[in-house]
Amino acid sequence: MASHSHGHDDDVDPGTPYDQSLEELDFLRSACAAAQRGQLSKLEGLLSRKPDSVHWDGVTGTSGYTPLHYAAREGHLTCVKLLLDRGERAEVCGCC
């Protein structure tokens, strides 16, 4: 009969190069990601549920970037207009 270790080290998932961190997953669900992709209806829904997300970077809140930066950089003008209408300031400065 084979002996089994009960130390749980053999039960650890080593992960793959395709695994995403929790920060990456949070970003993908954020207003920044919706703005970056030009997903206007998703962005509207996020802003309706969490109006303050108009000022949030989608992860830690410390990057200096907001959904407006992502929408403008990708040329999604309808998203830019929505964000400005919802209270984002055009003169917000990122960490460039």
C-alpha atoms as a PDB file:
ATOM      1  CA  MET A   1       0.000   0.000   0.000  1.00  0.00           C
ATOM      2  CA  ALA A   2       1.403   3.427  -0.915  1.00  0.00           C
ATOM      3  CA  SER A   3       1.881   5.970   1.816  1.00  0.00           C
ATOM      4  CA  HIS A   4       0.152   9.330   1.431  1.00  0.00           C
ATOM      5  CA  SER A   5       1.354  12.637   2.769  1.00  0.00           C
ATOM      6  CA  HIS A   6      -1.255  14.603   4.677  1.00  0.00           C
ATOM      7  CA  GLY A   7       0.746  17.851   4.581  1.00  0.00           C
ATOM      8  CA  HIS A   8      -1.288  19.200   1.670  1.00  0.00           C
ATOM      9  CA  ASP A   9       1.835  20.202  -0.279  1.00  0.00           C
ATOM     10  CA  ASP A  10       0.972  17.667  -2.958  1.00  0.00           C
ATOM     11  CA  ASP A  11      -2.509  19.192  -3.290  1.00  0.00           C
ATOM     12  CA  VAL A  12      -1.310  22.673  -4.311  1.00  0.00           C
ATOM     13  CA  ASP A  13      -2.258  23.727  -7.817  1.00  0.00           C
ATOM     14  CA  PRO A  14       0.970  24.960  -9.418  1.00  0.00           C
ATOM     15  CA  GLY A  15      -0.993  27.191 -11.776  1.00  0.00           C
ATOM     16  CA  THR A  16      -0.377  27.794 -15.430  1.00  0.00           C
ATOM     17  CA  PRO A  17       1.011  30.690 -17.431  1.00  0.00           C
ATOM     18  CA  TYR A  18      -2.617  31.479 -18.284  1.00  0.00           C
ATOM     19  CA  ASP A  19      -3.845  31.988 -14.726  1.00  0.00           C
ATOM     20  CA  GLN A  20      -5.035  35.484 -13.829  1.00  0.00           C
ATOM     21  CA  SER A  21      -4.453  37.285 -10.584  1.00  0.00           C
ATOM     22  CA  LEU A  22      -7.365  38.608  -8.543  1.00  0.00           C
ATOM     23  CA  GLU A  23      -6.349  42.140  -9.571  1.00  0.00           C
ATOM     24  CA  GLU A  24      -6.563  41.177 -13.243  1.00  0.00           C
ATOM     25  CA  LEU A  25      -9.993  39.640 -12.718  1.00  0.00           C
ATOM     26  CA  ASP A  26     -11.181  42.737 -10.829  1.00  0.00           C
ATOM     27  CA  PHE A  27      -9.982  44.916 -13.702  1.00  0.00           C
ATOM     28  CA  LEU A  28     -11.845  42.813 -16.258  1.00  0.00           C
ATOM     29  CA  ARG A  29     -15.089  43.436 -14.339  1.00  0.00           C
ATOM     30  CA  SER A  30     -14.422  47.154 -13.919  1.00  0.00           C
ATOM     31  CA  ALA A  31     -15.694  50.300 -15.599  1.00  0.00           C
ATOM     32  CA  CYS A  32     -12.145  50.770 -16.927  1.00  0.00           C
ATOM     33  CA  ALA A  33     -12.313  47.522 -18.886  1.00  0.00           C
ATOM     34  CA  ALA A  34     -15.766  48.353 -20.267  1.00  0.00           C
ATOM     35  CA  ALA A  35     -14.546  51.813 -21.294  1.00  0.00           C
ATOM     36  CA  GLN A  36     -11.394  50.357 -22.853  1.00  0.00           C
ATOM     37  CA  ARG A  37     -13.475  47.971 -24.970  1.00  0.00           C
ATOM     38  CA  GLY A  38     -16.137  50.532 -25.874  1.00  0.00           C
ATOM     39  CA  GLN A  39     -18.872  48.505 -24.152  1.00  0.00           C
ATOM     40  CA  LEU A  40     -21.281  51.375 -23.624  1.00  0.00           C
ATOM     41  CA  SER A  41     -24.222  49.397 -22.198  1.00  0.00           C
ATOM     42  CA  LYS A  42     -21.960  47.524 -19.764  1.00  0.00           C
ATOM     43  CA  LEU A  43     -20.369  50.820 -18.714  1.00  0.00           C
ATOM     44  CA  GLU A  44     -23.810  52.386 -18.164  1.00  0.00           C
ATOM     45  CA  GLY A  45     -24.830  49.456 -15.977  1.00  0.00           C
ATOM     46  CA  LEU A  46     -21.652  49.609 -13.905  1.00  0.00           C
ATOM     47  CA  LEU A  47     -22.011  53.360 -13.391  1.00  0.00           C
ATOM     48  CA  SER A  48     -25.668  52.970 -12.419  1.00  0.00           C
ATOM     49  CA  ARG A  49     -24.804  50.376  -9.765  1.00  0.00           C
ATOM     50  CA  LYS A  50     -21.616  52.108  -8.573  1.00  0.00           C
ATOM     51  CA  PRO A  51     -21.577  55.803  -9.527  1.00  0.00           C
ATOM     52  CA  ASP A  52     -18.175  56.322  -7.870  1.00  0.00           C
ATOM     53  CA  SER A  53     -16.583  53.873 -10.311  1.00  0.00           C
ATOM     54  CA  VAL A  54     -16.329  56.784 -12.732  1.00  0.00           C
ATOM     55  CA  HIS A  55     -13.257  57.791 -10.680  1.00  0.00           C
ATOM     56  CA  TRP A  56     -11.890  54.289  -9.966  1.00  0.00           C
ATOM     57  CA  ASP A  57      -8.974  52.561 -11.724  1.00  0.00           C
ATOM     58  CA  GLY A  58     -10.588  49.156 -11.475  1.00  0.00           C
ATOM     59  CA  VAL A  59      -8.039  47.589  -9.146  1.00  0.00           C
ATOM     60  CA  THR A  60      -6.312  49.383  -6.275  1.00  0.00           C
ATOM     61  CA  GLY A  61      -7.436  52.965  -6.795  1.00  0.00           C
ATOM     62  CA  THR A  62      -3.843  54.161  -6.796  1.00  0.00           C
ATOM     63  CA  SER A  63      -2.811  54.042 -10.459  1.00  0.00           C
ATOM     64  CA  GLY A  64      -4.179  57.471 -11.326  1.00  0.00           C
ATOM     65  CA  TYR A  65      -6.019  56.100 -14.337  1.00  0.00           C
ATOM     66  CA  THR A  66      -9.803  56.203 -14.637  1.00  0.00           C
ATOM     67  CA  PRO A  67     -12.294  54.816 -17.147  1.00  0.00           C
ATOM     68  CA  LEU A  68     -12.008  58.146 -18.974  1.00  0.00           C
ATOM     69  CA  HIS A  69      -8.329  57.509 -19.708  1.00  0.00           C
ATOM     70  CA  TYR A  70      -9.078  54.079 -21.158  1.00  0.00           C
ATOM     71  CA  ALA A  71     -12.040  55.248 -23.253  1.00  0.00           C
ATOM     72  CA  ALA A  72     -10.165  58.256 -24.632  1.00  0.00           C
ATOM     73  CA  ARG A  73      -7.014  56.286 -25.415  1.00  0.00           C
ATOM     74  CA  GLU A  74      -9.024  53.750 -27.428  1.00  0.00           C
ATOM     75  CA  GLY A  75     -11.142  56.427 -29.164  1.00  0.00           C
ATOM     76  CA  HIS A  76     -14.495  55.352 -27.721  1.00  0.00           C
ATOM     77  CA  LEU A  77     -16.149  58.764 -27.855  1.00  0.00           C
ATOM     78  CA  THR A  78     -19.590  57.582 -26.712  1.00  0.00           C
ATOM     79  CA  CYS A  79     -17.977  56.167 -23.564  1.00  0.00           C
ATOM     80  CA  VAL A  80     -15.999  59.388 -23.062  1.00  0.00           C
ATOM     81  CA  LYS A  81     -19.210  61.428 -23.309  1.00  0.00           C
ATOM     82  CA  LEU A  82     -21.021  59.141 -20.862  1.00  0.00           C
ATOM     83  CA  LEU A  83     -18.180  59.402 -18.327  1.00  0.00           C
ATOM     84  CA  LEU A  84     -18.087  63.193 -18.601  1.00  0.00           C
ATOM     85  CA  ASP A  85     -21.886  63.322 -18.244  1.00  0.00           C
ATOM     86  CA  ARG A  86     -21.583  61.177 -15.094  1.00  0.00           C
ATOM     87  CA  GLY A  87     -19.182  63.559 -13.400  1.00  0.00           C
ATOM     88  CA  GLU A  88     -15.666  62.676 -14.471  1.00  0.00           C
ATOM     89  CA  ARG A  89     -13.495  65.733 -14.959  1.00  0.00           C
ATOM     90  CA  ALA A  90     -11.774  66.205 -18.319  1.00  0.00           C
ATOM     91  CA  GLU A  91      -8.653  67.591 -16.650  1.00  0.00           C
ATOM     92  CA  VAL A  92      -8.029  64.458 -14.553  1.00  0.00           C
ATOM     93  CA  CYS A  93      -4.357  63.579 -14.764  1.00  0.00           C
ATOM     94  CA  GLY A  94      -3.060  60.019 -14.896  1.00  0.00           C
ATOM     95  CA  CYS A  95       0.363  58.808 -14.013  1.00  0.00           C
ATOM     96  CA  CYS A  96       1.920  59.243 -17.448  1.00  0.00           C
END
